């Protein structure tokens, strides 16, 4: 029985920028998405921050996405960044499907 490693990744923009939902205009919140990989599975790596880890039998990798608390839309940071540029250019938060493409 070994120990569990932990690796987390978040974009700097998610910490400082306010983003708004393109469907309802509500403020988006960060949501944690985690994935646990056990030794021998595809997502498992015996290294954290470039160092070997002795005795580790599983690793938890954590990432973040945006989620709208009003309508339930889930979206990645990169996609929301693209949408926020369109929102800024058109000067409105709610976009139609034609405006997003």
N, C-alpha and C. Protein backbone atom coordinates (compact mmCIF):
# COMPACT_ATOMS: atom_id res chain seq x y z
N UNK A 1 0.85 -1.18 0.00
CA UNK A 1 0.00 0.00 0.00
C UNK A 1 0.89 1.23 0.00
N UNK A 2 0.77 2.03 -1.03
CA UNK A 2 1.59 3.22 -1.18
C UNK A 2 0.82 4.48 -0.88
N UNK A 3 1.35 5.57 -1.32
CA UNK A 3 0.73 6.86 -1.08
C UNK A 3 0.21 7.44 -2.39
N UNK A 4 -0.65 8.44 -2.28
CA UNK A 4 -1.27 9.07 -3.45
C UNK A 4 -0.57 10.39 -3.75
N UNK A 5 -0.13 10.55 -5.00
CA UNK A 5 0.45 11.80 -5.45
C UNK A 5 -0.64 12.77 -5.88
N UNK A 6 -0.31 14.05 -5.96
CA UNK A 6 -1.29 15.08 -6.30
C UNK A 6 -0.63 16.07 -7.25
N UNK A 7 -1.30 16.35 -8.36
CA UNK A 7 -0.79 17.30 -9.34
C UNK A 7 -1.95 18.19 -9.78
N UNK A 8 -1.78 19.50 -9.72
CA UNK A 8 -2.86 20.43 -10.04
C UNK A 8 -2.39 21.43 -11.09
N UNK A 9 -3.32 21.82 -11.97
CA UNK A 9 -3.00 22.78 -13.02
C UNK A 9 -4.18 23.72 -13.21
N UNK A 10 -3.89 25.04 -13.20
CA UNK A 10 -4.93 26.05 -13.44
C UNK A 10 -4.31 27.18 -14.24
N UNK A 11 -5.05 27.70 -15.20
CA UNK A 11 -4.57 28.83 -15.99
C UNK A 11 -4.62 30.09 -15.15
N UNK A 12 -3.64 30.96 -15.34
CA UNK A 12 -3.56 32.19 -14.55
C UNK A 12 -4.78 33.08 -14.79
N UNK A 13 -5.28 33.07 -16.02
CA UNK A 13 -6.46 33.88 -16.34
C UNK A 13 -7.69 33.49 -15.54
N UNK A 14 -7.78 32.22 -15.15
CA UNK A 14 -8.93 31.77 -14.35
C UNK A 14 -8.90 32.38 -12.95
N UNK A 15 -7.74 32.75 -12.49
CA UNK A 15 -7.61 33.32 -11.15
C UNK A 15 -8.02 34.79 -11.12
N UNK A 16 -7.80 35.52 -12.21
CA UNK A 16 -7.97 36.97 -12.18
C UNK A 16 -9.08 37.53 -13.05
N UNK A 17 -9.48 36.83 -14.12
CA UNK A 17 -10.48 37.36 -15.04
C UNK A 17 -11.89 36.93 -14.65
N UNK A 18 -12.83 37.85 -14.82
CA UNK A 18 -14.24 37.52 -14.64
C UNK A 18 -14.78 37.13 -16.02
N UNK A 19 -15.43 35.98 -16.07
CA UNK A 19 -16.00 35.50 -17.33
C UNK A 19 -17.50 35.35 -17.17
N UNK A 20 -18.22 35.53 -18.27
CA UNK A 20 -19.68 35.48 -18.25
C UNK A 20 -20.20 34.47 -19.26
N UNK A 21 -21.28 33.81 -18.90
CA UNK A 21 -21.90 32.77 -19.73
C UNK A 21 -22.45 33.39 -21.02
N UNK A 22 -22.20 32.70 -22.13
CA UNK A 22 -22.68 33.19 -23.42
C UNK A 22 -24.15 32.82 -23.67
N UNK A 23 -24.71 31.93 -22.85
CA UNK A 23 -26.11 31.51 -23.02
C UNK A 23 -27.08 32.36 -22.19
N UNK A 24 -26.70 32.66 -20.92
CA UNK A 24 -27.63 33.39 -20.04
C UNK A 24 -27.04 34.69 -19.48
N UNK A 25 -25.73 34.91 -19.61
CA UNK A 25 -25.11 36.13 -19.11
C UNK A 25 -24.67 36.06 -17.66
N UNK A 26 -24.86 34.93 -16.99
CA UNK A 26 -24.46 34.78 -15.59
C UNK A 26 -22.95 34.66 -15.44
N UNK A 27 -22.46 35.00 -14.26
CA UNK A 27 -21.03 34.92 -13.98
C UNK A 27 -20.62 33.45 -13.86
N UNK A 28 -19.52 33.07 -14.52
CA UNK A 28 -19.04 31.69 -14.48
C UNK A 28 -18.17 31.46 -13.26
N UNK A 29 -18.27 30.27 -12.70
CA UNK A 29 -17.46 29.89 -11.53
C UNK A 29 -16.53 28.76 -11.92
N UNK A 30 -15.40 28.67 -11.22
CA UNK A 30 -14.44 27.60 -11.47
C UNK A 30 -14.96 26.30 -10.85
N UNK A 31 -14.76 25.20 -11.58
CA UNK A 31 -15.14 23.89 -11.06
C UNK A 31 -13.94 22.96 -11.20
N UNK A 32 -13.67 22.25 -10.12
CA UNK A 32 -12.54 21.33 -10.07
C UNK A 32 -12.92 20.02 -10.77
N UNK A 33 -12.02 19.53 -11.63
CA UNK A 33 -12.20 18.26 -12.32
C UNK A 33 -10.99 17.40 -11.98
N UNK A 34 -11.23 16.25 -11.33
CA UNK A 34 -10.10 15.43 -10.92
C UNK A 34 -10.16 14.06 -11.56
N UNK A 35 -8.98 13.48 -11.75
CA UNK A 35 -8.84 12.17 -12.36
C UNK A 35 -7.78 11.40 -11.57
N UNK A 36 -8.14 10.22 -11.05
CA UNK A 36 -7.19 9.41 -10.30
C UNK A 36 -6.75 8.24 -11.17
N UNK A 37 -5.43 8.11 -11.34
CA UNK A 37 -4.86 7.01 -12.12
C UNK A 37 -4.04 6.13 -11.20
N UNK A 38 -4.24 4.82 -11.33
CA UNK A 38 -3.49 3.86 -10.52
C UNK A 38 -2.28 3.36 -11.30
N UNK A 39 -1.31 2.83 -10.60
CA UNK A 39 -0.09 2.31 -11.20
C UNK A 39 -0.46 1.24 -12.24
N UNK A 40 0.11 1.37 -13.43
CA UNK A 40 -0.16 0.44 -14.51
C UNK A 40 -1.17 0.95 -15.51
N UNK A 41 -1.95 2.00 -15.20
CA UNK A 41 -2.92 2.58 -16.13
C UNK A 41 -2.23 3.59 -17.05
N UNK A 42 -2.93 3.98 -18.12
CA UNK A 42 -2.35 4.89 -19.12
C UNK A 42 -2.00 6.27 -18.56
N UNK A 43 -2.84 6.87 -17.73
CA UNK A 43 -2.61 8.22 -17.23
C UNK A 43 -1.60 8.31 -16.09
N UNK A 44 -1.09 7.18 -15.64
CA UNK A 44 -0.17 7.16 -14.50
C UNK A 44 1.24 7.52 -14.94
N UNK A 45 1.88 8.38 -14.16
CA UNK A 45 3.29 8.72 -14.36
C UNK A 45 3.97 8.69 -13.00
N UNK A 46 5.09 8.03 -12.91
CA UNK A 46 5.81 7.91 -11.65
C UNK A 46 6.65 9.12 -11.32
N UNK A 47 6.42 10.23 -12.01
CA UNK A 47 7.20 11.44 -11.76
C UNK A 47 6.27 12.62 -11.50
N UNK A 48 6.61 13.42 -10.49
CA UNK A 48 5.91 14.66 -10.19
C UNK A 48 6.94 15.77 -10.16
N UNK A 49 6.71 16.80 -10.97
CA UNK A 49 7.64 17.94 -11.07
C UNK A 49 9.05 17.49 -11.44
N UNK A 50 9.14 16.45 -12.27
CA UNK A 50 10.43 15.98 -12.75
C UNK A 50 11.19 15.10 -11.79
N UNK A 51 10.63 14.75 -10.66
CA UNK A 51 11.30 13.92 -9.68
C UNK A 51 10.63 12.56 -9.59
N UNK A 52 11.44 11.52 -9.39
CA UNK A 52 10.91 10.18 -9.23
C UNK A 52 10.20 10.07 -7.88
N UNK A 53 9.14 9.31 -7.86
CA UNK A 53 8.37 9.13 -6.63
C UNK A 53 8.38 7.65 -6.26
N UNK A 54 9.01 7.35 -5.17
CA UNK A 54 9.13 5.97 -4.73
C UNK A 54 7.97 5.63 -3.80
N UNK A 55 7.30 4.53 -4.08
CA UNK A 55 6.22 4.08 -3.22
C UNK A 55 4.85 4.63 -3.57
N UNK A 56 4.75 5.48 -4.59
CA UNK A 56 3.46 6.05 -4.97
C UNK A 56 2.69 5.03 -5.80
N UNK A 57 1.45 4.71 -5.42
CA UNK A 57 0.68 3.72 -6.18
C UNK A 57 -0.45 4.34 -6.99
N UNK A 58 -0.76 5.62 -6.77
CA UNK A 58 -1.77 6.30 -7.57
C UNK A 58 -1.50 7.80 -7.56
N UNK A 59 -2.03 8.49 -8.56
CA UNK A 59 -1.83 9.93 -8.67
C UNK A 59 -3.16 10.59 -9.03
N UNK A 60 -3.43 11.72 -8.38
CA UNK A 60 -4.63 12.49 -8.66
C UNK A 60 -4.23 13.73 -9.43
N UNK A 61 -4.75 13.86 -10.64
CA UNK A 61 -4.48 15.03 -11.48
C UNK A 61 -5.73 15.89 -11.49
N UNK A 62 -5.56 17.17 -11.17
CA UNK A 62 -6.69 18.09 -11.04
C UNK A 62 -6.55 19.21 -12.06
N UNK A 63 -7.65 19.52 -12.72
CA UNK A 63 -7.73 20.64 -13.64
C UNK A 63 -9.00 21.42 -13.32
N UNK A 64 -9.20 22.53 -13.99
CA UNK A 64 -10.36 23.38 -13.72
C UNK A 64 -11.06 23.76 -15.01
N UNK A 65 -12.38 23.85 -14.95
CA UNK A 65 -13.21 24.34 -16.05
C UNK A 65 -14.15 25.38 -15.47
N UNK A 66 -14.86 26.07 -16.36
CA UNK A 66 -15.89 27.01 -15.93
C UNK A 66 -17.25 26.34 -15.94
N UNK A 67 -18.11 26.71 -14.98
CA UNK A 67 -19.48 26.21 -14.93
C UNK A 67 -20.40 27.37 -14.57
N UNK A 68 -21.49 27.48 -15.30
CA UNK A 68 -22.50 28.51 -15.01
C UNK A 68 -23.47 27.96 -13.96
N UNK A 69 -23.64 28.67 -12.88
CA UNK A 69 -24.54 28.22 -11.83
C UNK A 69 -26.01 28.43 -12.20
N UNK A 70 -26.28 29.28 -13.18
CA UNK A 70 -27.65 29.55 -13.60
C UNK A 70 -28.18 28.51 -14.58
N UNK A 71 -27.46 28.31 -15.69
CA UNK A 71 -27.96 27.40 -16.74
C UNK A 71 -27.21 26.07 -16.80
N UNK A 72 -26.09 25.93 -16.08
CA UNK A 72 -25.37 24.66 -16.02
C UNK A 72 -24.37 24.44 -17.14
N UNK A 73 -24.09 25.44 -17.96
CA UNK A 73 -23.12 25.31 -19.05
C UNK A 73 -21.73 25.04 -18.49
N UNK A 74 -21.04 24.04 -19.04
CA UNK A 74 -19.65 23.75 -18.67
C UNK A 74 -18.79 24.02 -19.88
N UNK A 75 -17.67 24.74 -19.67
CA UNK A 75 -16.82 25.14 -20.79
C UNK A 75 -15.37 25.24 -20.33
N UNK A 76 -14.45 24.93 -21.22
CA UNK A 76 -13.03 25.01 -20.89
C UNK A 76 -12.56 26.46 -20.91
N UNK A 77 -11.39 26.70 -20.32
CA UNK A 77 -10.86 28.06 -20.26
C UNK A 77 -10.53 28.58 -21.66
N UNK A 78 -9.92 27.75 -22.49
CA UNK A 78 -9.52 28.19 -23.83
C UNK A 78 -10.73 28.58 -24.68
N UNK A 79 -11.79 27.78 -24.62
CA UNK A 79 -13.00 28.08 -25.38
C UNK A 79 -13.68 29.34 -24.83
N UNK A 80 -13.72 29.50 -23.52
CA UNK A 80 -14.33 30.68 -22.92
C UNK A 80 -13.53 31.94 -23.24
N UNK A 81 -12.23 31.82 -23.34
CA UNK A 81 -11.39 32.96 -23.69
C UNK A 81 -11.74 33.45 -25.10
N UNK A 82 -11.95 32.51 -26.02
CA UNK A 82 -12.36 32.85 -27.39
C UNK A 82 -13.73 33.54 -27.38
N UNK A 83 -14.65 33.01 -26.59
CA UNK A 83 -16.00 33.58 -26.51
C UNK A 83 -15.97 34.96 -25.85
N UNK A 84 -15.12 35.15 -24.83
CA UNK A 84 -15.07 36.45 -24.14
C UNK A 84 -14.57 37.55 -25.07
N UNK A 85 -13.71 37.21 -26.03
CA UNK A 85 -13.24 38.21 -27.00
C UNK A 85 -14.39 38.63 -27.91
N UNK A 86 -15.24 37.68 -28.28
CA UNK A 86 -16.42 38.00 -29.10
C UNK A 86 -17.40 38.85 -28.28
N UNK A 87 -17.60 38.49 -27.00
CA UNK A 87 -18.49 39.27 -26.13
C UNK A 87 -18.00 40.71 -26.00
N UNK A 88 -16.71 40.88 -25.87
CA UNK A 88 -16.14 42.22 -25.72
C UNK A 88 -16.29 43.01 -27.02
N UNK A 89 -16.03 42.36 -28.16
CA UNK A 89 -16.12 43.03 -29.45
C UNK A 89 -17.56 43.48 -29.75
N UNK A 90 -18.54 42.62 -29.43
CA UNK A 90 -19.95 42.94 -29.68
C UNK A 90 -20.61 43.73 -28.55
N UNK A 91 -19.89 43.86 -27.43
CA UNK A 91 -20.35 44.61 -26.26
C UNK A 91 -21.66 44.05 -25.69
N UNK A 92 -21.74 42.71 -25.61
CA UNK A 92 -22.89 42.07 -24.97
C UNK A 92 -22.46 40.69 -24.46
N UNK A 93 -23.14 40.22 -23.40
CA UNK A 93 -22.77 38.96 -22.77
C UNK A 93 -23.45 37.76 -23.40
N UNK A 94 -24.73 37.90 -23.75
CA UNK A 94 -25.49 36.79 -24.33
C UNK A 94 -25.30 36.80 -25.85
N UNK A 95 -24.86 35.64 -26.39
CA UNK A 95 -24.58 35.54 -27.82
C UNK A 95 -25.47 34.47 -28.46
N UNK A 96 -25.76 34.66 -29.74
CA UNK A 96 -26.48 33.66 -30.50
C UNK A 96 -25.45 32.67 -31.07
N UNK A 97 -25.94 31.56 -31.61
CA UNK A 97 -25.04 30.56 -32.19
C UNK A 97 -24.27 31.11 -33.39
N UNK A 98 -24.90 31.96 -34.18
CA UNK A 98 -24.23 32.56 -35.34
C UNK A 98 -23.10 33.50 -34.91
N UNK A 99 -23.31 34.24 -33.82
CA UNK A 99 -22.29 35.18 -33.35
C UNK A 99 -21.07 34.45 -32.76
N UNK A 100 -21.28 33.26 -32.21
CA UNK A 100 -20.16 32.54 -31.60
C UNK A 100 -19.25 31.88 -32.65
N UNK A 101 -19.73 31.70 -33.85
CA UNK A 101 -18.92 31.06 -34.90
C UNK A 101 -18.26 32.03 -35.81
